[in-house]
Every structure is written in C-alpha cells, then in structure tokens.
Amino acid sequence: MNDTINNILENPNKRGYRFYSNTSEVANQLFEIYTNSDDKSVVSSFLKKCEIIAQRLLNSEIHLINTRPAMQKPRKGSLIITFNVDFYGEFSCVLAKIDSEDFLSEQNFERDSGFLINEPALKTAIIKFVLIDDDEVDLDLVVADTSSSIADYWTNNFLESKEMTSDQKNTRLAFQDIELIISKNLKKQAPADYTELRNNLVGYFKNQENFHFDRMIDHVFGNYTMENDKVTIDHIKDKVTKLKEKENFDTQFKLIPSEITARFKKTYPLTDEIELRTNGHVRNLKHIIRAEKKANGQKIIEIKVNDDEVFKQFNFKNDD
C-alpha cells in the first residue's frame, strides 16, 4: 500500500478536491471509522463501513452505465480501503480501485480472478484527517486517475467532491504546513509562544489579500521575542523557510480565507464545564487574554471584555 500512496503522490494527473460536505456518505463513513478507532468493536464496524463505501461505488458505476450508455463502461475491479497511521500519529485513508483479471489456476485449472501486481490502481483517493483542534477534525482529499482525465463518476457521484482551484488549494496547504511546524515545535515545549505565533499566522491568512512567502515570514515571526528562551525563533523560522524546497504550495498566490475558516478557530478547555474559544485573529492577544498564578497556587485566566452586559453578568462581589 505504501507503493500505491507513492504512485498517487508522483502521479501528474492528481488533483486536490474537497468533499461537498463532511456529512456526505463516504466522508461520514470515514469520520465514523476514525472517531471509533479505539472502540473494541472497531473491526466489525470497519467492515460494515467499508461495505457501505463499496456499495456506493457500485451504485455510482451502475448509474453511469444507465444514464450514459454511450460512454465506455467502468473497468472491472475491486475497491481496497486502508487506514494508515504515520510516525507522528496522523491518520490517513486510501481508497483504491484496483484492476482485476480472470485467469486459470495452475493448481486445478479452474477459472479465478485476481489483481495485477505491477499495474497501478485505476482510481485512487488519499484522505488525510487534519486535526484542527483537540476535538475537531477536517478532511483533506487528493484524487488520482490513470486515465488522461479524472472520472466524474469517481469524484462527483462516488466521493461527492469538487476540485479546488489553485488559490483554494494553496491557501489550505500553506496554512496547514506552516501551522503544523509551529504546533509540533512549540505546542508542548513553549505553549505561550505557540499561542502567540499561531495567532500571528491566523492574522496573516485572514487579513492579507495575497500570500507572499517572505512577507509572511516577516509578519508571523518578525521581531518576535520568545517567552521560552530555551527555544530560538530562528530555529522555527528555518523550518518554515525550508517549506519552499518541498514546493507543496506556491510562494505567491491569492489568499482565500473562507477556505480555512474552520481552522482559524481554537478551543481551550478551562474546566470540565467551561471552554474559551477564539474565532479568528485576536489583535494584541497577550493584552486581551492573560494567565496568572496566585500566591496560593490557584491558576487564573483574565480576559479583557468590551461588552458591558457580559461584564455585569460576571461582576460578583468579592467573597474572600
């Protein structure tokens, strides 16, 4: 299956797509497999979900044959579904329609069918589960086809997805890759710096009209002084700058903030009953939300508010 994934990534006829909705049939089944991966009944549940996905593919092919009889019929094959976890614990799923051929068995000369070892998958899709927040996940979808064009029945009818424009794709990939570096290098080692730099990143993608790699570096990192002096800002900047070499996204493009609105949001659990949520860039963040530890060891989050009515609702008398 690793060869299949590599073939998809190297395939020049691959495209970035988006599910019409994360509640569409295939996307929903994948979400349920992902969210129930720790359940004891995961095997039986996985098989049931796979059957639903395979049945949808069959229905899509039958629909194509019935509605467009003049078109070439989809080739006979099998659908392989795998879930993978990489070194960092990130989940991805591969849907691959594999070509199959009839043959005579050498052992009993009976007719049988099987897969062609050296033939690439006919149609494939890689779905990555992108963790936006501790309890919120989004799906990234890459589709490939061995034909000269990607079949509409595979993307539209089966996957219920649409191709992203280059600006949409660049916006998603750039934010995702840069945020991932900030998160992996700072979230645990320097959490306050992670919060501030991620907020800077959100501000750039939300408020700028165009993406320019070098200007983004200046905007996000600039002359920022780290709260944690054990981590250097240059170390993080260097890692982000090396993204240029990967060429996963263009260095200049028009930003489409609506493409990643969900990823702007961030939820912080304060207690079992209370959450703090930011819906986008917070100007002067460290002067709006601050943490304080009292002499008795009690941890406090202070938030500056502009709404008088909200302030009054929490303006309790001091009971110390």
Foldseek 3Di string as FASTA:
>chain_A
DVVQVVCLVPFPQKFWKFAPDCCPLLNVLVVVLVVCVVPPCSVVSNVVSVVSLQVQLVVLQVVCCVPPVVDDRDADFDWDKDWDQDPVRWIKIKIFTFHKDWDQDPVPRDIDMDGDDPDHTAKMKMWTWQDLEPPDTGIIIMIGGPDPHDDCSVACRNRVIGTDDQQLQQQVVLLRVLLVLLCVVDCPPPVVLSVQLNLQLLCCLVPDFKAAQVVSLCRRQNPDDGPDPVDDSVVSSVVSVCVVVVPSGDRIDTRDSVSCQVSQKYWADPDPVDIDMDRTRDPPVCVAWHWDADPVRDIDIDGDDDDPVVVVVPPDDDPD
